[in-house]
C-alpha atoms as a PDB file:
ATOM      1  CA  MET A   1       3.751 -16.292  17.572  1.00  0.00           C
ATOM      2  CA  ALA A   2       2.134 -13.096  16.343  1.00  0.00           C
ATOM      3  CA  LEU A   3      -1.439 -12.860  15.137  1.00  0.00           C
ATOM      4  CA  ILE A   4      -0.258 -11.611  11.748  1.00  0.00           C
ATOM      5  CA  GLU A   5       3.250 -12.305  10.553  1.00  0.00           C
ATOM      6  CA  ILE A   6       5.057 -10.609   7.692  1.00  0.00           C
ATOM      7  CA  LYS A   7       6.942 -13.028   5.495  1.00  0.00           C
ATOM      8  CA  ARG A   8      10.494 -11.663   5.655  1.00  0.00           C
ATOM      9  CA  ASP A   9      11.850 -13.726   2.775  1.00  0.00           C
ATOM     10  CA  PRO A  10       9.249 -13.756  -0.034  1.00  0.00           C
ATOM     11  CA  SER A  11       9.832 -15.888  -3.117  1.00  0.00           C
ATOM     12  CA  ARG A  12      10.342 -14.399  -6.591  1.00  0.00           C
ATOM     13  CA  ARG A  13       6.820 -15.419  -7.539  1.00  0.00           C
ATOM     14  CA  GLU A  14       5.335 -13.703  -4.486  1.00  0.00           C
ATOM     15  CA  LEU A  15       7.269 -10.536  -5.273  1.00  0.00           C
ATOM     16  CA  ARG A  16       5.986 -10.526  -8.863  1.00  0.00           C
ATOM     17  CA  TRP A  17       2.402 -10.918  -7.632  1.00  0.00           C
ATOM     18  CA  PHE A  18       2.903  -8.167  -5.105  1.00  0.00           C
ATOM     19  CA  GLY A  19       3.806  -5.780  -7.943  1.00  0.00           C
ATOM     20  CA  VAL A  20       0.573  -6.650  -9.749  1.00  0.00           C
ATOM     21  CA  MET A  21      -1.501  -6.234  -6.578  1.00  0.00           C
ATOM     22  CA  PHE A  22       0.235  -2.933  -5.836  1.00  0.00           C
ATOM     23  CA  ALA A  23      -0.737  -1.549  -9.249  1.00  0.00           C
ATOM     24  CA  VAL A  24      -4.328  -2.834  -9.047  1.00  0.00           C
ATOM     25  CA  PHE A  25      -4.798  -1.482  -5.509  1.00  0.00           C
ATOM     26  CA  PHE A  26      -3.714   2.035  -6.445  1.00  0.00           C
ATOM     27  CA  ALA A  27      -5.742   1.947  -9.653  1.00  0.00           C
ATOM     28  CA  ILE A  28      -8.815   1.230  -7.524  1.00  0.00           C
ATOM     29  CA  VAL A  29      -7.883   3.901  -4.948  1.00  0.00           C
ATOM     30  CA  GLY A  30      -7.443   6.478  -7.720  1.00  0.00           C
ATOM     31  CA  GLY A  31     -10.789   5.486  -9.216  1.00  0.00           C
ATOM     32  CA  LEU A  32     -12.525   5.817  -5.845  1.00  0.00           C
ATOM     33  CA  VAL A  33     -10.984   9.238  -5.253  1.00  0.00           C
ATOM     34  CA  ARG A  34     -12.242  10.426  -8.626  1.00  0.00           C
ATOM     35  CA  TRP A  35     -15.678   8.833  -8.302  1.00  0.00           C
ATOM     36  CA  LYS A  36     -16.495   9.522  -4.638  1.00  0.00           C
ATOM     37  CA  PHE A  37     -14.771  12.871  -4.109  1.00  0.00           C
ATOM     38  CA  GLY A  38     -14.748  14.254  -7.647  1.00  0.00           C
ATOM     39  CA  VAL A  39     -11.097  15.277  -7.546  1.00  0.00           C
ATOM     40  CA  PRO A  40      -9.568  14.322 -10.899  1.00  0.00           C
ATOM     41  CA  ALA A  41      -6.216  15.977 -10.119  1.00  0.00           C
ATOM     42  CA  ALA A  42      -5.720  13.865  -6.987  1.00  0.00           C
ATOM     43  CA  SER A  43      -6.656  10.648  -8.771  1.00  0.00           C
ATOM     44  CA  THR A  44      -4.246  11.486 -11.590  1.00  0.00           C
ATOM     45  CA  VAL A  45      -1.443  12.030  -9.071  1.00  0.00           C
ATOM     46  CA  ILE A  46      -2.262   8.692  -7.410  1.00  0.00           C
ATOM     47  CA  TRP A  47      -2.278   6.867 -10.764  1.00  0.00           C
ATOM     48  CA  LEU A  48       0.941   8.454 -12.012  1.00  0.00           C
ATOM     49  CA  THR A  49       2.765   7.838  -8.735  1.00  0.00           C
ATOM     50  CA  ALA A  50       1.599   4.225  -8.666  1.00  0.00           C
ATOM     51  CA  ALA A  51       2.580   3.730 -12.300  1.00  0.00           C
ATOM     52  CA  GLY A  52       6.040   5.172 -11.656  1.00  0.00           C
ATOM     53  CA  LEU A  53       6.573   3.036  -8.562  1.00  0.00           C
ATOM     54  CA  THR A  54       5.350  -0.062 -10.374  1.00  0.00           C
ATOM     55  CA  LEU A  55       7.745   0.588 -13.263  1.00  0.00           C
ATOM     56  CA  LEU A  56      10.609   1.078 -10.799  1.00  0.00           C
ATOM     57  CA  TYR A  57       9.548  -2.064  -8.960  1.00  0.00           C
ATOM     58  CA  TYR A  58       9.841  -4.203 -12.079  1.00  0.00           C
ATOM     59  CA  ALA A  59      12.821  -2.386 -13.615  1.00  0.00           C
ATOM     60  CA  LEU A  60      15.021  -2.629 -10.506  1.00  0.00           C
ATOM     61  CA  PRO A  61      14.702  -6.096  -8.924  1.00  0.00           C
ATOM     62  CA  PRO A  62      16.851  -5.187  -5.861  1.00  0.00           C
ATOM     63  CA  LEU A  63      14.077  -2.751  -4.815  1.00  0.00           C
ATOM     64  CA  ARG A  64      11.371  -5.416  -4.772  1.00  0.00           C
ATOM     65  CA  ARG A  65      12.027  -6.920  -1.362  1.00  0.00           C
ATOM     66  CA  PRO A  66      12.436  -3.586   0.520  1.00  0.00           C
ATOM     67  CA  LEU A  67       9.275  -2.173  -1.102  1.00  0.00           C
ATOM     68  CA  TYR A  68       7.364  -5.345  -0.240  1.00  0.00           C
ATOM     69  CA  LEU A  69       8.513  -5.326   3.384  1.00  0.00           C
ATOM     70  CA  GLY A  70       8.045  -1.567   3.770  1.00  0.00           C
ATOM     71  CA  SER A  71       4.499  -1.537   2.466  1.00  0.00           C
ATOM     72  CA  ALA A  72       3.496  -4.601   4.495  1.00  0.00           C
ATOM     73  CA  THR A  73       4.881  -3.018   7.646  1.00  0.00           C
ATOM     74  CA  ALA A  74       3.188   0.319   6.888  1.00  0.00           C
ATOM     75  CA  CYS A  75      -0.185  -1.360   6.308  1.00  0.00           C
ATOM     76  CA  LEU A  76      -0.054  -3.289   9.565  1.00  0.00           C
ATOM     77  CA  GLY A  77       1.216  -0.253  11.461  1.00  0.00           C
ATOM     78  CA  GLY A  78      -1.552   1.954  10.084  1.00  0.00           C
ATOM     79  CA  PHE A  79      -4.182  -0.637  10.962  1.00  0.00           C
ATOM     80  CA  ARG A  80      -2.814  -1.016  14.478  1.00  0.00           C
ATOM     81  CA  ALA A  81      -2.738   2.750  15.007  1.00  0.00           C
ATOM     82  CA  TYR A  82      -6.344   2.958  13.827  1.00  0.00           C
ATOM     83  CA  MET A  83      -7.435   0.193  16.209  1.00  0.00           C
ATOM     84  CA  ASP A  84      -5.503   1.691  19.146  1.00  0.00           C
ATOM     85  CA  CYS A  85      -7.144   5.083  18.589  1.00  0.00           C
ATOM     86  CA  ARG A  86     -10.579   3.522  18.424  1.00  0.00           C
ATOM     87  CA  ARG A  87      -9.944   1.635  21.639  1.00  0.00           C
ATOM     88  CA  CYS A  88      -8.792   4.778  23.450  1.00  0.00           C
ATOM     89  CA  GLY A  89     -11.665   6.833  22.128  1.00  0.00           C
ATOM     90  CA  GLN A  90      -9.292   9.526  20.875  1.00  0.00           C
ATOM     91  CA  LEU A  91      -9.642  11.396  17.630  1.00  0.00           C
ATOM     92  CA  CYS A  92      -6.771  10.495  15.311  1.00  0.00           C
ATOM     93  CA  ILE A  93      -6.098   9.987  11.655  1.00  0.00           C
ATOM     94  CA  ALA A  94      -4.828   6.567  10.632  1.00  0.00           C
ATOM     95  CA  LEU A  95      -2.975   6.105   7.394  1.00  0.00           C
ATOM     96  CA  VAL A  96      -4.629   3.552   5.188  1.00  0.00           C
ATOM     97  CA  CYS A  97      -2.143   1.726   2.787  1.00  0.00           C
ATOM     98  CA  GLY A  98      -1.918   0.995  -0.649  1.00  0.00           C
END
């Protein structure tokens, strides 16, 4: 049994909530980019991309499960890469999800 397991067969309700959390997460990321780094163009790109993906997510139900699984896998992979690099003491850039 793994420490963290990805649910491979999420329910319809879980997929709907994932879409909401996806939109809220990228709204916050865009806000932080604008507030902390003062780059309105980058935050606008983040917001528009997230809005487009969220609209696609809800408009095309067959895309929900692959997007859910892909983003969950990417988040865990990015976290693991970050932790491995810290353990090795190497300089590396870890992708942080959204």
